[in-house]
Protein backbone atom coordinates (compact mmCIF):
# COMPACT_ATOMS: atom_id res chain seq x y z
CA UNK A 1 0.00 0.00 0.00
CA UNK A 2 1.32 3.42 -0.97
CA UNK A 3 1.72 6.01 1.75
CA UNK A 4 1.11 9.72 1.53
CA UNK A 5 1.79 12.83 3.56
CA UNK A 6 -0.02 16.13 3.33
CA UNK A 7 1.60 19.44 4.22
CA UNK A 8 -0.70 22.42 4.63
CA UNK A 9 1.24 25.67 4.29
CA UNK A 10 0.36 29.05 5.74
CA UNK A 11 0.83 30.84 9.03
CA UNK A 12 -2.90 31.61 9.06
CA UNK A 13 -3.53 27.86 9.54
CA UNK A 14 -1.68 28.04 12.86
CA UNK A 15 -4.24 30.46 14.28
CA UNK A 16 -7.68 29.64 15.67
CA UNK A 17 -9.23 31.64 12.81
CA UNK A 18 -8.57 29.16 9.98
CA UNK A 19 -9.04 25.41 9.66
CA UNK A 20 -7.15 23.16 7.26
CA UNK A 21 -10.03 21.49 5.41
CA UNK A 22 -7.87 20.49 2.43
CA UNK A 23 -6.12 17.70 4.35
CA UNK A 24 -9.42 16.12 5.36
CA UNK A 25 -10.75 16.20 1.81
CA UNK A 26 -7.49 14.88 0.32
CA UNK A 27 -7.32 12.09 2.89
CA UNK A 28 -10.77 10.88 1.91
CA UNK A 29 -9.88 10.91 -1.80
CA UNK A 30 -6.57 9.10 -1.25
CA UNK A 31 -8.10 6.50 1.08
CA UNK A 32 -10.78 5.79 -1.54
CA UNK A 33 -8.09 4.47 -3.91
CA UNK A 34 -6.08 2.61 -1.28
CA UNK A 35 -3.43 5.21 -0.49
CA UNK A 36 -2.90 5.58 3.23
CA UNK A 37 -2.22 9.03 4.63
CA UNK A 38 0.43 8.52 7.31
CA UNK A 39 0.98 12.10 8.42
CA UNK A 40 -0.52 15.56 8.08
CA UNK A 41 1.50 18.63 8.94
CA UNK A 42 0.72 22.33 9.14
CA UNK A 43 3.71 24.58 8.53
CA UNK A 44 3.69 28.35 8.76
CA UNK A 45 5.28 30.63 6.18
CA UNK A 46 8.77 29.62 7.33
CA UNK A 47 11.19 28.58 4.61
CA UNK A 48 13.53 26.44 6.72
CA UNK A 49 10.73 24.53 8.44
CA UNK A 50 8.84 23.98 5.20
CA UNK A 51 11.95 22.69 3.43
CA UNK A 52 12.60 20.31 6.32
CA UNK A 53 8.97 19.13 6.27
CA UNK A 54 9.06 18.40 2.52
CA UNK A 55 12.45 16.65 2.64
CA UNK A 56 11.41 14.51 5.61
CA UNK A 57 8.06 13.65 4.02
CA UNK A 58 9.80 12.52 0.82
CA UNK A 59 12.06 10.23 2.87
CA UNK A 60 9.06 8.52 4.48
CA UNK A 61 6.29 8.48 1.89
CA UNK A 62 5.79 7.81 -1.80
CA UNK A 63 3.32 10.65 -2.27
CA UNK A 64 3.77 14.12 -0.80
CA UNK A 65 1.14 16.79 -1.29
CA UNK A 66 1.42 20.44 -0.31
CA UNK A 67 -1.44 22.90 -0.25
CA UNK A 68 -1.04 26.64 0.03
CA UNK A 69 1.72 29.18 -0.33
CA UNK A 70 1.60 29.63 -4.13
CA UNK A 71 0.27 33.17 -4.19
CA UNK A 72 2.25 36.13 -5.48
CA UNK A 73 3.23 37.73 -2.16
CA UNK A 74 6.56 37.50 -0.35
CA UNK A 75 5.17 35.18 2.33
CA UNK A 76 4.09 32.64 -0.33
CA UNK A 77 7.23 30.51 -0.28
CA UNK A 78 6.03 27.02 -1.24
CA UNK A 79 7.11 27.24 -4.88
CA UNK A 80 10.76 28.09 -4.24
CA UNK A 81 11.08 25.98 -1.08
CA UNK A 82 9.64 22.90 -2.82
CA UNK A 83 12.16 23.31 -5.63
CA UNK A 84 14.99 23.65 -3.13
CA UNK A 85 13.79 20.59 -1.17
CA UNK A 86 13.97 18.40 -4.29
CA UNK A 87 17.18 20.08 -5.48
CA UNK A 88 15.67 21.47 -8.66
CA UNK A 89 15.63 24.92 -10.20
CA UNK A 90 12.57 27.00 -10.84
CA UNK A 91 11.98 27.57 -14.55
CA UNK A 92 10.17 30.65 -15.84
CA UNK A 93 7.35 29.97 -18.32
CA UNK A 94 6.56 32.90 -20.61
CA UNK A 95 3.28 31.24 -21.64
CA UNK A 96 2.13 31.13 -18.00
CA UNK A 97 2.79 34.85 -17.64
CA UNK A 98 0.85 35.49 -20.85
CA UNK A 99 -2.07 33.39 -19.57
CA UNK A 100 -2.00 35.28 -16.27
CA UNK A 101 -2.02 38.64 -18.04
CA UNK A 102 -4.97 37.50 -20.16
CA UNK A 103 -6.85 36.24 -17.11
CA UNK A 104 -6.38 39.57 -15.31
CA UNK A 105 -7.52 41.35 -18.46
CA UNK A 106 -10.73 39.27 -18.46
CA UNK A 107 -11.21 40.29 -14.83
CA UNK A 108 -10.96 43.92 -15.98
CA UNK A 109 -7.62 44.59 -14.31
CA UNK A 110 -3.96 44.93 -15.18
CA UNK A 111 -1.82 42.15 -13.76
CA UNK A 112 0.38 43.37 -10.90
CA UNK A 113 4.05 42.70 -11.65
CA UNK A 114 4.34 40.67 -8.45
CA UNK A 115 2.16 37.98 -10.08
CA UNK A 116 5.00 37.18 -12.48
CA UNK A 117 6.34 35.02 -9.63
CA UNK A 118 3.50 32.62 -10.39
CA UNK A 119 5.01 31.80 -13.80
CA UNK A 120 7.88 29.88 -12.16
CA UNK A 121 7.58 26.08 -12.07
CA UNK A 122 9.84 23.40 -10.61
CA UNK A 123 12.11 22.05 -13.35
CA UNK A 124 10.64 18.81 -14.67
CA UNK A 125 7.21 19.29 -13.08
CA UNK A 126 3.94 19.03 -14.96
CA UNK A 127 2.00 22.29 -14.81
CA UNK A 128 -1.48 21.84 -13.34
CA UNK A 129 -3.80 24.47 -14.83
CA UNK A 130 -5.95 26.52 -12.48
CA UNK A 131 -9.17 27.80 -14.08
CA UNK A 132 -10.32 29.18 -10.70
CA UNK A 133 -7.34 31.29 -9.66
CA UNK A 134 -3.94 32.65 -10.60
CA UNK A 135 -1.61 30.01 -9.11
CA UNK A 136 -0.90 26.92 -11.18
CA UNK A 137 -0.11 23.69 -9.38
CA UNK A 138 2.75 21.31 -10.07
CA UNK A 139 3.14 17.54 -10.21
CA UNK A 140 6.70 16.29 -10.03
CA UNK A 141 7.43 12.59 -10.54
CA UNK A 142 10.56 11.52 -8.69
CA UNK A 143 12.25 8.13 -8.49
CA UNK A 144 9.64 5.95 -6.77
CA UNK A 145 7.85 9.02 -5.41
CA UNK A 146 5.93 12.09 -6.44
CA UNK A 147 5.38 15.60 -5.15
CA UNK A 148 2.14 17.45 -5.85
CA UNK A 149 2.04 21.18 -5.08
CA UNK A 150 -1.38 22.84 -4.95
CA UNK A 151 -2.75 26.29 -4.18
CA UNK A 152 -4.56 26.57 -0.85
CA UNK A 153 -8.08 27.74 -1.69
CA UNK A 154 -10.28 24.62 -1.86
CA UNK A 155 -12.14 25.91 -4.93
CA UNK A 156 -8.77 25.90 -6.74
CA UNK A 157 -7.13 22.84 -5.17
CA UNK A 158 -10.00 20.36 -5.43
CA UNK A 159 -10.68 20.50 -9.19
CA UNK A 160 -6.94 20.56 -9.88
CA UNK A 161 -6.47 17.42 -7.81
CA UNK A 162 -9.48 15.61 -9.30
CA UNK A 163 -8.75 16.54 -12.92
CA UNK A 164 -4.98 16.15 -13.08
CA UNK A 165 -3.48 14.28 -10.11
CA UNK A 166 -6.15 11.81 -8.97
CA UNK A 167 -6.04 9.91 -12.31
CA UNK A 168 -2.23 9.58 -12.03
CA UNK A 169 -2.44 8.36 -8.43
CA UNK A 170 -5.13 5.80 -9.32
CA UNK A 171 -2.67 4.22 -11.75
CA UNK A 172 0.02 4.08 -9.06
CA UNK A 173 -2.31 2.67 -6.39
């Protein structure tokens, strides 16, 4: 039986004002296909602790999923920390920036330059489109393991998981 770990990222999840509902939902989906969730962790917006959490999770489990921390602001560190944890570079995708600019245009706004950060993807990762927000997800196959990196809002994370990652995990399970 494959094992999984879920890492919810965001200092707001360490307060009594927010609850990590993503881990509960993901656990149900993974259990339904025979993947056992062995550990769930909540990590604040702390680069060193997040890197340690991802590295440790990849040592223990075949499937590691992160949710949150993919926004455009300085405290959204999941993208770069995930790349560092798997010893990969971030690669800039011009087409992702163009899609972001177009999306903001449809929303009737100019894209803030800070959103260009969301066009960086871990080298070798599959880009997971996000029709409900600005942050794409990433799926990175590793030797005998995989890392899935999702945005935090459930309305973005859930369809991304169901449409792009769940089918891949079903094959592995």
